[in-house]
Structures are given as structure tokens and as C-alpha cells.
PDB file of N, CA and C in Angstrom:
ATOM      1  N   UNK A   1      12.796 -23.451  67.993  1.00  0.00           N
ATOM      2  CA  UNK A   1      12.890 -22.021  68.110  1.00  0.00           C
ATOM      3  C   UNK A   1      11.940 -21.581  69.217  1.00  0.00           C
ATOM      4  N   UNK A   2      12.424 -20.804  70.159  1.00  0.00           N
ATOM      5  CA  UNK A   2      11.604 -20.335  71.263  1.00  0.00           C
ATOM      6  C   UNK A   2      11.245 -18.877  71.052  1.00  0.00           C
ATOM      7  N   UNK A   3       9.988 -18.523  71.273  1.00  0.00           N
ATOM      8  CA  UNK A   3       9.563 -17.137  71.196  1.00  0.00           C
ATOM      9  C   UNK A   3       9.565 -16.620  69.776  1.00  0.00           C
ATOM     10  N   UNK A   4       9.632 -15.308  69.635  1.00  0.00           N
ATOM     11  CA  UNK A   4       9.623 -14.669  68.335  1.00  0.00           C
ATOM     12  C   UNK A   4      11.017 -14.698  67.726  1.00  0.00           C
ATOM     13  N   UNK A   5      11.102 -14.770  66.414  1.00  0.00           N
ATOM     14  CA  UNK A   5      12.420 -14.780  65.776  1.00  0.00           C
ATOM     15  C   UNK A   5      13.122 -13.440  65.970  1.00  0.00           C
ATOM     16  N   UNK A   6      14.398 -13.478  65.981  1.00  0.00           N
ATOM     17  CA  UNK A   6      15.207 -12.285  66.177  1.00  0.00           C
ATOM     18  C   UNK A   6      15.121 -11.388  64.947  1.00  0.00           C
ATOM     19  N   UNK A   7      15.338 -10.097  65.165  1.00  0.00           N
ATOM     20  CA  UNK A   7      15.326  -9.148  64.048  1.00  0.00           C
ATOM     21  C   UNK A   7      16.503  -9.383  63.121  1.00  0.00           C
ATOM     22  N   UNK A   8      17.540 -10.072  63.599  1.00  0.00           N
ATOM     23  CA  UNK A   8      18.711 -10.359  62.760  1.00  0.00           C
ATOM     24  C   UNK A   8      18.335 -11.215  61.558  1.00  0.00           C
ATOM     25  N   UNK A   9      17.312 -12.047  61.721  1.00  0.00           N
ATOM     26  CA  UNK A   9      16.912 -12.899  60.610  1.00  0.00           C
ATOM     27  C   UNK A   9      16.365 -12.086  59.443  1.00  0.00           C
ATOM     28  N   UNK A  10      15.770 -10.911  59.758  1.00  0.00           N
ATOM     29  CA  UNK A  10      15.143 -10.119  58.724  1.00  0.00           C
ATOM     30  C   UNK A  10      15.998  -8.938  58.278  1.00  0.00           C
ATOM     31  N   UNK A  11      17.137  -8.723  58.896  1.00  0.00           N
ATOM     32  CA  UNK A  11      18.001  -7.592  58.550  1.00  0.00           C
ATOM     33  C   UNK A  11      18.799  -7.915  57.295  1.00  0.00           C
ATOM     34  N   UNK A  12      18.966  -6.906  56.470  1.00  0.00           N
ATOM     35  CA  UNK A  12      19.782  -7.077  55.277  1.00  0.00           C
ATOM     36  C   UNK A  12      21.246  -6.904  55.656  1.00  0.00           C
ATOM     37  N   UNK A  13      22.122  -7.298  54.792  1.00  0.00           N
ATOM     38  CA  UNK A  13      23.548  -7.186  55.072  1.00  0.00           C
ATOM     39  C   UNK A  13      23.939  -5.728  55.239  1.00  0.00           C
ATOM     40  N   UNK A  14      24.681  -5.426  56.286  1.00  0.00           N
ATOM     41  CA  UNK A  14      25.154  -4.079  56.531  1.00  0.00           C
ATOM     42  C   UNK A  14      24.209  -3.240  57.394  1.00  0.00           C
ATOM     43  N   UNK A  15      22.985  -3.718  57.653  1.00  0.00           N
ATOM     44  CA  UNK A  15      22.067  -2.954  58.495  1.00  0.00           C
ATOM     45  C   UNK A  15      22.385  -3.198  59.967  1.00  0.00           C
ATOM     46  N   UNK A  16      22.095  -2.207  60.763  1.00  0.00           N
ATOM     47  CA  UNK A  16      22.337  -2.300  62.194  1.00  0.00           C
ATOM     48  C   UNK A  16      21.038  -2.699  62.880  1.00  0.00           C
ATOM     49  N   UNK A  17      21.169  -3.642  63.764  1.00  0.00           N
ATOM     50  CA  UNK A  17      19.991  -4.079  64.513  1.00  0.00           C
ATOM     51  C   UNK A  17      19.710  -3.086  65.640  1.00  0.00           C
ATOM     52  N   UNK A  18      18.444  -2.735  65.808  1.00  0.00           N
ATOM     53  CA  UNK A  18      18.046  -1.814  66.872  1.00  0.00           C
ATOM     54  C   UNK A  18      17.730  -2.627  68.109  1.00  0.00           C
ATOM     55  N   UNK A  19      18.443  -2.305  69.167  1.00  0.00           N
ATOM     56  CA  UNK A  19      18.234  -3.038  70.421  1.00  0.00           C
ATOM     57  C   UNK A  19      17.103  -2.384  71.203  1.00  0.00           C
ATOM     58  N   UNK A  20      16.254  -3.219  71.809  1.00  0.00           N
ATOM     59  CA  UNK A  20      15.175  -2.705  72.657  1.00  0.00           C
ATOM     60  C   UNK A  20      15.729  -2.439  74.049  1.00  0.00           C
ATOM     61  N   UNK A  21      15.392  -1.297  74.623  1.00  0.00           N
ATOM     62  CA  UNK A  21      15.867  -1.033  75.984  1.00  0.00           C
ATOM     63  C   UNK A  21      15.133  -1.914  76.990  1.00  0.00           C
ATOM     64  N   UNK A  22      15.859  -2.333  78.003  1.00  0.00           N
ATOM     65  CA  UNK A  22      15.239  -3.135  79.043  1.00  0.00           C
ATOM     66  C   UNK A  22      14.576  -2.202  80.039  1.00  0.00           C
ATOM     67  N   UNK A  23      13.374  -2.542  80.410  1.00  0.00           N
ATOM     68  CA  UNK A  23      12.661  -1.729  81.392  1.00  0.00           C
ATOM     69  C   UNK A  23      12.533  -2.532  82.667  1.00  0.00           C
ATOM     70  N   UNK A  24      12.797  -1.868  83.764  1.00  0.00           N
ATOM     71  CA  UNK A  24      12.670  -2.505  85.067  1.00  0.00           C
ATOM     72  C   UNK A  24      11.675  -1.704  85.886  1.00  0.00           C
ATOM     73  N   UNK A  25      10.748  -2.408  86.475  1.00  0.00           N
ATOM     74  CA  UNK A  25       9.760  -1.758  87.322  1.00  0.00           C
ATOM     75  C   UNK A  25      10.236  -1.859  88.762  1.00  0.00           C
ATOM     76  N   UNK A  26      10.415  -0.709  89.377  1.00  0.00           N
ATOM     77  CA  UNK A  26      10.841  -0.701  90.771  1.00  0.00           C
ATOM     78  C   UNK A  26       9.676  -0.258  91.632  1.00  0.00           C
ATOM     79  N   UNK A  27       9.446  -0.916  92.733  1.00  0.00           N
ATOM     80  CA  UNK A  27       8.348  -0.505  93.604  1.00  0.00           C
ATOM     81  C   UNK A  27       8.661   0.831  94.260  1.00  0.00           C
ATOM     82  N   UNK A  28       7.628   1.595  94.587  1.00  0.00           N
ATOM     83  CA  UNK A  28       7.898   2.884  95.239  1.00  0.00           C
ATOM     84  C   UNK A  28       8.498   2.688  96.614  1.00  0.00           C
ATOM     85  N   UNK A  29       9.316   3.654  97.027  1.00  0.00           N
ATOM     86  CA  UNK A  29       9.930   3.571  98.343  1.00  0.00           C
ATOM     87  C   UNK A  29       8.858   3.709  99.414  1.00  0.00           C
ATOM     88  N   UNK A  30       9.125   3.159 100.573  1.00  0.00           N
ATOM     89  CA  UNK A  30       8.153   3.172 101.662  1.00  0.00           C
ATOM     90  C   UNK A  30       7.880   4.578 102.155  1.00  0.00           C
ATOM     91  N   UNK A  31       8.873   5.460 102.101  1.00  0.00           N
ATOM     92  CA  UNK A  31       8.655   6.818 102.593  1.00  0.00           C
ATOM     93  C   UNK A  31       7.779   7.645 101.653  1.00  0.00           C
ATOM     94  N   UNK A  32       7.572   7.185 100.429  1.00  0.00           N
ATOM     95  CA  UNK A  32       6.701   7.889  99.490  1.00  0.00           C
ATOM     96  C   UNK A  32       5.262   7.452  99.606  1.00  0.00           C
ATOM     97  N   UNK A  33       4.968   6.436 100.426  1.00  0.00           N
ATOM     98  CA  UNK A  33       3.623   5.915 100.539  1.00  0.00           C
ATOM     99  C   UNK A  33       2.900   6.412 101.783  1.00  0.00           C
ATOM    100  N   UNK A  34       3.562   7.163 102.626  1.00  0.00           N
ATOM    101  CA  UNK A  34       2.973   7.608 103.878  1.00  0.00           C
ATOM    102  C   UNK A  34       2.156   8.873 103.731  1.00  0.00           C
ATOM    103  N   UNK A  35       1.419   9.188 104.792  1.00  0.00           N
ATOM    104  CA  UNK A  35       0.597  10.391 104.845  1.00  0.00           C
ATOM    105  C   UNK A  35       1.457  11.640 104.705  1.00  0.00           C
ATOM    106  N   UNK A  36       2.634  11.622 105.309  1.00  0.00           N
ATOM    107  CA  UNK A  36       3.514  12.784 105.279  1.00  0.00           C
ATOM    108  C   UNK A  36       4.049  13.061 103.881  1.00  0.00           C
ATOM    109  N   UNK A  37       4.064  12.075 103.024  1.00  0.00           N
ATOM    110  CA  UNK A  37       4.578  12.258 101.669  1.00  0.00           C
ATOM    111  C   UNK A  37       3.602  13.031 100.789  1.00  0.00           C
ATOM    112  N   UNK A  38       2.328  13.115 101.195  1.00  0.00           N
ATOM    113  CA  UNK A  38       1.332  13.840 100.415  1.00  0.00           C
ATOM    114  C   UNK A  38       1.468  15.340 100.646  1.00  0.00           C
ATOM    115  N   UNK A  39       1.161  16.104  99.625  1.00  0.00           N
ATOM    116  CA  UNK A  39       1.141  17.556  99.782  1.00  0.00           C
ATOM    117  C   UNK A  39      -0.095  17.936 100.596  1.00  0.00           C
ATOM    118  N   UNK A  40      -0.137  19.175 101.121  1.00  0.00           N
ATOM    119  CA  UNK A  40      -1.271  19.542 101.976  1.00  0.00           C
ATOM    120  C   UNK A  40      -2.583  19.573 101.210  1.00  0.00           C
ATOM    121  N   UNK A  41      -2.640  19.936  99.908  1.00  0.00           N
ATOM    122  CA  UNK A  41      -3.930  19.826  99.213  1.00  0.00           C
ATOM    123  C   UNK A  41      -4.389  18.369  99.077  1.00  0.00           C
ATOM    124  N   UNK A  42      -3.438  17.472  98.864  1.00  0.00           N
ATOM    125  CA  UNK A  42      -3.800  16.055  98.758  1.00  0.00           C
ATOM    126  C   UNK A  42      -4.279  15.517 100.105  1.00  0.00           C
ATOM    127  N   UNK A  43      -3.645  15.943 101.190  1.00  0.00           N
ATOM    128  CA  UNK A  43      -4.086  15.526 102.517  1.00  0.00           C
ATOM    129  C   UNK A  43      -5.489  16.044 102.807  1.00  0.00           C
ATOM    130  N   UNK A  44      -5.770  17.298 102.438  1.00  0.00           N
ATOM    131  CA  UNK A  44      -7.113  17.856 102.636  1.00  0.00           C
ATOM    132  C   UNK A  44      -8.152  17.094 101.817  1.00  0.00           C
ATOM    133  N   UNK A  45      -7.793  16.754 100.568  1.00  0.00           N
ATOM    134  CA  UNK A  45      -8.720  16.011  99.713  1.00  0.00           C
ATOM    135  C   UNK A  45      -9.025  14.632 100.299  1.00  0.00           C
ATOM    136  N   UNK A  46      -8.007  13.919 100.740  1.00  0.00           N
ATOM    137  CA  UNK A  46      -8.208  12.591 101.320  1.00  0.00           C
ATOM    138  C   UNK A  46      -9.058  12.688 102.580  1.00  0.00           C
ATOM    139  N   UNK A  47      -8.781  13.673 103.421  1.00  0.00           N
ATOM    140  CA  UNK A  47      -9.564  13.851 104.643  1.00  0.00           C
ATOM    141  C   UNK A  47     -11.014  14.189 104.320  1.00  0.00           C
ATOM    142  N   UNK A  48     -11.240  15.038 103.322  1.00  0.00           N
ATOM    143  CA  UNK A  48     -12.592  15.400 102.922  1.00  0.00           C
ATOM    144  C   UNK A  48     -13.368  14.192 102.398  1.00  0.00           C
ATOM    145  N   UNK A  49     -12.722  13.360 101.594  1.00  0.00           N
ATOM    146  CA  UNK A  49     -13.379  12.160 101.069  1.00  0.00           C
ATOM    147  C   UNK A  49     -13.713  11.191 102.203  1.00  0.00           C
ATOM    148  N   UNK A  50     -12.814  11.049 103.167  1.00  0.00           N
ATOM    149  CA  UNK A  50     -13.079  10.159 104.301  1.00  0.00           C
ATOM    150  C   UNK A  50     -14.243  10.674 105.149  1.00  0.00           C
ATOM    151  N   UNK A  51     -14.294  11.976 105.397  1.00  0.00           N
ATOM    152  CA  UNK A  51     -15.395  12.555 106.174  1.00  0.00           C
ATOM    153  C   UNK A  51     -16.717  12.415 105.417  1.00  0.00           C
ATOM    154  N   UNK A  52     -16.699  12.644 104.116  1.00  0.00           N
ATOM    155  CA  UNK A  52     -17.914  12.491 103.311  1.00  0.00           C
ATOM    156  C   UNK A  52     -18.407  11.041 103.322  1.00  0.00           C
ATOM    157  N   UNK A  53     -17.498  10.108 103.208  1.00  0.00           N
ATOM    158  CA  UNK A  53     -17.887   8.703 103.241  1.00  0.00           C
ATOM    159  C   UNK A  53     -18.445   8.287 104.587  1.00  0.00           C
ATOM    160  N   UNK A  54     -17.809   8.730 105.668  1.00  0.00           N
ATOM    161  CA  UNK A  54     -18.291   8.382 107.011  1.00  0.00           C
ATOM    162  C   UNK A  54     -19.646   9.010 107.285  1.00  0.00           C
ATOM    163  N   UNK A  55     -19.841  10.255 106.880  1.00  0.00           N
ATOM    164  CA  UNK A  55     -21.131  10.899 107.112  1.00  0.00           C
ATOM    165  C   UNK A  55     -22.236  10.265 106.273  1.00  0.00           C
ATOM    166  N   UNK A  56     -21.918   9.843 105.053  1.00  0.00           N
ATOM    167  CA  UNK A  56     -22.900   9.149 104.231  1.00  0.00           C
ATOM    168  C   UNK A  56     -23.271   7.807 104.843  1.00  0.00           C
ATOM    169  N   UNK A  57     -22.294   7.101 105.391  1.00  0.00           N
ATOM    170  CA  UNK A  57     -22.577   5.830 106.045  1.00  0.00           C
ATOM    171  C   UNK A  57     -23.495   6.024 107.245  1.00  0.00           C
ATOM    172  N   UNK A  58     -23.227   7.044 108.043  1.00  0.00           N
ATOM    173  CA  UNK A  58     -24.058   7.312 109.224  1.00  0.00           C
ATOM    174  C   UNK A  58     -25.462   7.750 108.809  1.00  0.00           C
ATOM    175  N   UNK A  59     -25.566   8.591 107.776  1.00  0.00           N
ATOM    176  CA  UNK A  59     -26.866   9.115 107.358  1.00  0.00           C
ATOM    177  C   UNK A  59     -27.767   8.036 106.776  1.00  0.00           C
ATOM    178  N   UNK A  60     -27.204   7.091 106.048  1.00  0.00           N
ATOM    179  CA  UNK A  60     -28.027   6.089 105.375  1.00  0.00           C
ATOM    180  C   UNK A  60     -27.965   4.718 106.029  1.00  0.00           C
ATOM    181  N   UNK A  61     -27.419   4.626 107.228  1.00  0.00           N
ATOM    182  CA  UNK A  61     -27.351   3.335 107.913  1.00  0.00           C
ATOM    183  C   UNK A  61     -28.764   2.906 108.301  1.00  0.00           C
ATOM    184  N   UNK A  62     -29.133   1.650 108.010  1.00  0.00           N
ATOM    185  CA  UNK A  62     -30.502   1.230 108.325  1.00  0.00           C
ATOM    186  C   UNK A  62     -30.745   1.182 109.835  1.00  0.00           C
ATOM    187  N   UNK A  63     -31.939   1.586 110.229  1.00  0.00           N
ATOM    188  CA  UNK A  63     -32.284   1.584 111.649  1.00  0.00           C
ATOM    189  C   UNK A  63     -33.020   0.316 112.052  1.00  0.00           C
ATOM    190  N   UNK A  64     -33.557  -0.410 111.094  1.00  0.00           N
ATOM    191  CA  UNK A  64     -34.273  -1.651 111.406  1.00  0.00           C
ATOM    192  C   UNK A  64     -33.927  -2.704 110.356  1.00  0.00           C
ATOM    193  N   UNK A  65     -33.868  -3.935 110.792  1.00  0.00           N
ATOM    194  CA  UNK A  65     -33.611  -5.058 109.894  1.00  0.00           C
ATOM    195  C   UNK A  65     -34.866  -5.923 109.858  1.00  0.00           C
ATOM    196  N   UNK A  66     -35.541  -6.003 108.704  1.00  0.00           N
ATOM    197  CA  UNK A  66     -36.785  -6.769 108.653  1.00  0.00           C
ATOM    198  C   UNK A  66     -36.568  -8.271 108.868  1.00  0.00           C
ATOM    199  N   UNK A  67     -35.432  -8.792 108.431  1.00  0.00           N
ATOM    200  CA  UNK A  67     -35.134 -10.224 108.610  1.00  0.00           C
ATOM    201  C   UNK A  67     -33.736 -10.359 109.188  1.00  0.00           C
ATOM    202  N   UNK A  68     -33.588 -10.241 110.500  1.00  0.00           N
ATOM    203  CA  UNK A  68     -32.251 -10.251 111.101  1.00  0.00           C
ATOM    204  C   UNK A  68     -31.532 -11.590 110.966  1.00  0.00           C
ATOM    205  N   UNK A  69     -32.253 -12.700 110.926  1.00  0.00           N
ATOM    206  CA  UNK A  69     -31.602 -14.015 110.785  1.00  0.00           C
ATOM    207  C   UNK A  69     -30.986 -14.142 109.394  1.00  0.00           C
ATOM    208  N   UNK A  70     -31.707 -13.712 108.385  1.00  0.00           N
ATOM    209  CA  UNK A  70     -31.171 -13.753 107.028  1.00  0.00           C
ATOM    210  C   UNK A  70     -29.958 -12.839 106.904  1.00  0.00           C
ATOM    211  N   UNK A  71     -30.032 -11.654 107.513  1.00  0.00           N
ATOM    212  CA  UNK A  71     -28.906 -10.717 107.476  1.00  0.00           C
ATOM    213  C   UNK A  71     -27.672 -11.324 108.127  1.00  0.00           C
ATOM    214  N   UNK A  72     -27.850 -11.949 109.297  1.00  0.00           N
ATOM    215  CA  UNK A  72     -26.718 -12.568 109.998  1.00  0.00           C
ATOM    216  C   UNK A  72     -26.143 -13.723 109.188  1.00  0.00           C
ATOM    217  N   UNK A  73     -27.003 -14.523 108.554  1.00  0.00           N
ATOM    218  CA  UNK A  73     -26.527 -15.641 107.739  1.00  0.00           C
ATOM    219  C   UNK A  73     -25.716 -15.134 106.548  1.00  0.00           C
ATOM    220  N   UNK A  74     -26.165 -14.067 105.916  1.00  0.00           N
ATOM    221  CA  UNK A  74     -25.428 -13.512 104.775  1.00  0.00           C
ATOM    222  C   UNK A  74     -24.095 -12.926 105.198  1.00  0.00           C
ATOM    223  N   UNK A  75     -24.051 -12.307 106.385  1.00  0.00           N
ATOM    224  CA  UNK A  75     -22.778 -11.778 106.895  1.00  0.00           C
ATOM    225  C   UNK A  75     -21.792 -12.916 107.144  1.00  0.00           C
ATOM    226  N   UNK A  76     -22.260 -14.000 107.746  1.00  0.00           N
ATOM    227  CA  UNK A  76     -21.388 -15.150 108.021  1.00  0.00           C
ATOM    228  C   UNK A  76     -20.899 -15.766 106.719  1.00  0.00           C
ATOM    229  N   UNK A  77     -21.786 -15.944 105.746  1.00  0.00           N
ATOM    230  CA  UNK A  77     -21.379 -16.518 104.458  1.00  0.00           C
ATOM    231  C   UNK A  77     -20.399 -15.600 103.724  1.00  0.00           C
ATOM    232  N   UNK A  78     -20.599 -14.299 103.811  1.00  0.00           N
ATOM    233  CA  UNK A  78     -19.666 -13.367 103.165  1.00  0.00           C
ATOM    234  C   UNK A  78     -18.285 -13.467 103.801  1.00  0.00           C
ATOM    235  N   UNK A  79     -18.245 -13.595 105.125  1.00  0.00           N
ATOM    236  CA  UNK A  79     -16.949 -13.720 105.808  1.00  0.00           C
ATOM    237  C   UNK A  79     -16.258 -15.033 105.448  1.00  0.00           C
ATOM    238  N   UNK A  80     -17.024 -16.116 105.363  1.00  0.00           N
ATOM    239  CA  UNK A  80     -16.431 -17.415 105.023  1.00  0.00           C
ATOM    240  C   UNK A  80     -15.908 -17.436 103.589  1.00  0.00           C
ATOM    241  N   UNK A  81     -16.669 -16.895 102.650  1.00  0.00           N
ATOM    242  CA  UNK A  81     -16.202 -16.913 101.265  1.00  0.00           C
ATOM    243  C   UNK A  81     -15.033 -15.951 101.043  1.00  0.00           C
ATOM    244  N   UNK A  82     -14.912 -14.917 101.871  1.00  0.00           N
ATOM    245  CA  UNK A  82     -13.769 -14.014 101.703  1.00  0.00           C
ATOM    246  C   UNK A  82     -12.472 -14.664 102.173  1.00  0.00           C
ATOM    247  N   UNK A  83     -12.551 -15.690 102.998  1.00  0.00           N
ATOM    248  CA  UNK A  83     -11.362 -16.417 103.433  1.00  0.00           C
ATOM    249  C   UNK A  83     -10.876 -17.407 102.384  1.00  0.00           C
ATOM    250  N   UNK A  84     -11.750 -17.846 101.494  1.00  0.00           N
ATOM    251  CA  UNK A  84     -11.440 -18.859 100.493  1.00  0.00           C
ATOM    252  C   UNK A  84     -10.795 -18.178  99.288  1.00  0.00           C
ATOM    253  N   UNK A  85      -9.555 -18.526  98.992  1.00  0.00           N
ATOM    254  CA  UNK A  85      -8.801 -17.921  97.893  1.00  0.00           C
ATOM    255  C   UNK A  85      -8.595 -18.951  96.779  1.00  0.00           C
ATOM    256  N   UNK A  86      -8.642 -18.467  95.557  1.00  0.00           N
ATOM    257  CA  UNK A  86      -8.414 -19.294  94.379  1.00  0.00           C
ATOM    258  C   UNK A  86      -7.169 -18.764  93.681  1.00  0.00           C
ATOM    259  N   UNK A  87      -6.232 -19.641  93.364  1.00  0.00           N
ATOM    260  CA  UNK A  87      -5.015 -19.228  92.645  1.00  0.00           C
ATOM    261  C   UNK A  87      -5.352 -18.971  91.187  1.00  0.00           C
ATOM    262  N   UNK A  88      -4.906 -17.833  90.682  1.00  0.00           N
ATOM    263  CA  UNK A  88      -5.165 -17.478  89.292  1.00  0.00           C
ATOM    264  C   UNK A  88      -4.017 -17.957  88.408  1.00  0.00           C
ATOM    265  N   UNK A  89      -4.348 -18.520  87.258  1.00  0.00           N
ATOM    266  CA  UNK A  89      -3.291 -19.019  86.362  1.00  0.00           C
ATOM    267  C   UNK A  89      -2.707 -17.932  85.470  1.00  0.00           C
ATOM    268  N   UNK A  90      -2.433 -16.761  86.040  1.00  0.00           N
ATOM    269  CA  UNK A  90      -1.877 -15.662  85.245  1.00  0.00           C
ATOM    270  C   UNK A  90      -0.407 -15.932  84.953  1.00  0.00           C
ATOM    271  N   UNK A  91       0.364 -16.110  85.980  1.00  0.00           N
ATOM    272  CA  UNK A  91       1.776 -16.447  85.835  1.00  0.00           C
ATOM    273  C   UNK A  91       2.156 -17.313  87.027  1.00  0.00           C
ATOM    274  N   UNK A  92       3.042 -18.231  86.818  1.00  0.00           N
ATOM    275  CA  UNK A  92       3.388 -19.155  87.895  1.00  0.00           C
ATOM    276  C   UNK A  92       4.138 -18.475  89.020  1.00  0.00           C
ATOM    277  N   UNK A  93       4.883 -17.423  88.720  1.00  0.00           N
ATOM    278  CA  UNK A  93       5.688 -16.771  89.749  1.00  0.00           C
ATOM    279  C   UNK A  93       4.952 -15.636  90.451  1.00  0.00           C
ATOM    280  N   UNK A  94       3.790 -15.214  89.918  1.00  0.00           N
ATOM    281  CA  UNK A  94       3.128 -14.045  90.489  1.00  0.00           C
ATOM    282  C   UNK A  94       2.415 -14.365  91.795  1.00  0.00           C
ATOM    283  N   UNK A  95       1.863 -15.554  91.933  1.00  0.00           N
ATOM    284  CA  UNK A  95       1.146 -15.907  93.149  1.00  0.00           C
ATOM    285  C   UNK A  95      -0.162 -15.161  93.289  1.00  0.00           C
ATOM    286  N   UNK A  96      -0.784 -14.766  92.190  1.00  0.00           N
ATOM    287  CA  UNK A  96      -2.030 -14.012  92.238  1.00  0.00           C
ATOM    288  C   UNK A  96      -3.172 -14.900  92.704  1.00  0.00           C
ATOM    289  N   UNK A  97      -4.003 -14.332  93.564  1.00  0.00           N
ATOM    290  CA  UNK A  97      -5.181 -15.043  94.054  1.00  0.00           C
ATOM    291  C   UNK A  97      -6.407 -14.160  93.899  1.00  0.00           C
ATOM    292  N   UNK A  98      -7.575 -14.787  93.974  1.00  0.00           N
ATOM    293  CA  UNK A  98      -8.844 -14.076  93.906  1.00  0.00           C
ATOM    294  C   UNK A  98      -9.747 -14.655  94.971  1.00  0.00           C
ATOM    295  N   UNK A  99     -10.377 -13.801  95.734  1.00  0.00           N
ATOM    296  CA  UNK A  99     -11.270 -14.257  96.768  1.00  0.00           C
ATOM    297  C   UNK A  99     -12.581 -14.727  96.136  1.00  0.00           C
ATOM    298  N   UNK A 100     -13.148 -15.796  96.670  1.00  0.00           N
ATOM    299  CA  UNK A 100     -14.394 -16.336  96.157  1.00  0.00           C
ATOM    300  C   UNK A 100     -15.532 -15.346  96.394  1.00  0.00           C
ATOM    301  N   UNK A 101     -15.399 -14.475  97.373  1.00  0.00           N
ATOM    302  CA  UNK A 101     -16.458 -13.513  97.646  1.00  0.00           C
ATOM    303  C   UNK A 101     -16.659 -12.548  96.479  1.00  0.00           C
ATOM    304  N   UNK A 102     -15.636 -12.356  95.634  1.00  0.00           N
ATOM    305  CA  UNK A 102     -15.807 -11.488  94.473  1.00  0.00           C
ATOM    306  C   UNK A 102     -16.806 -12.084  93.480  1.00  0.00           C
ATOM    307  N   UNK A 103     -16.864 -13.385  93.385  1.00  0.00           N
ATOM    308  CA  UNK A 103     -17.850 -14.030  92.506  1.00  0.00           C
ATOM    309  C   UNK A 103     -19.255 -13.721  92.997  1.00  0.00           C
ATOM    310  N   UNK A 104     -19.459 -13.782  94.312  1.00  0.00           N
ATOM    311  CA  UNK A 104     -20.781 -13.435  94.850  1.00  0.00           C
ATOM    312  C   UNK A 104     -21.070 -11.959  94.650  1.00  0.00           C
ATOM    313  N   UNK A 105     -20.072 -11.095  94.770  1.00  0.00           N
ATOM    314  CA  UNK A 105     -20.272  -9.662  94.539  1.00  0.00           C
ATOM    315  C   UNK A 105     -20.676  -9.391  93.102  1.00  0.00           C
ATOM    316  N   UNK A 106     -20.013 -10.060  92.160  1.00  0.00           N
ATOM    317  CA  UNK A 106     -20.330  -9.845  90.757  1.00  0.00           C
ATOM    318  C   UNK A 106     -21.716 -10.378  90.407  1.00  0.00           C
ATOM    319  N   UNK A 107     -22.109 -11.489  91.018  1.00  0.00           N
ATOM    320  CA  UNK A 107     -23.438 -12.033  90.767  1.00  0.00           C
ATOM    321  C   UNK A 107     -24.517 -11.125  91.357  1.00  0.00           C
ATOM    322  N   UNK A 108     -24.218 -10.509  92.490  1.00  0.00           N
ATOM    323  CA  UNK A 108     -25.217  -9.622  93.111  1.00  0.00           C
ATOM    324  C   UNK A 108     -25.408  -8.386  92.250  1.00  0.00           C
TER     325      UNK A 108
END
């Protein structure tokens, strides 16, 4: 027997079996993912968040690096580990991967 037993096994004589509806997940159309697909309040919100993030990056960007060799080594190691992918055993057909750099991010 594969999987769960059918509801027919537990139904009494004369009862009707309730069928489960099949659900299909369809990906969104490409035209719904563009900037033009957003309403003008959503476009303003996205633009505001981007400007806030860029200004915060500029305001808090470090002006001096006390150990530039260590900084450069960490940048190189981060780039190398982000290239290394590990296949996840979630499902054989999904092809899900995880970058090794996430392990270093979680440890940090």
C-alpha cells in the first residue's frame, strides 16, 4: 500500500466519498512583475525605501579600515564561499541549493 489509505476504506455503504479539489500553482505572469505593474503609491514606497537605504549606506560607510589586509581576505573568502553551492535534499525534482556563505552568515 502506498501513501495514506483511501477514504473509501472507511466509508459506510451508501455514503458518498468527498473528492479533494486539485490545486495548481501557476507562476505570476512576467508583465505583473515589472515596475509598471505597481501602482503609483507602491512605486513611491519602493523609491523611498531605496533612497533611505542608499543614504544610510553613505552616512554610515566607514572612512578608515584599521586592518585592510584582514578586510580584503574576508571579502575574498566571502566571494569564494558564495560560489560554492550545496544541493538540499528537499525534493529530487526541485533542484534547491544553498550557498555555503549562508553558514558563515549564520555563524557571524
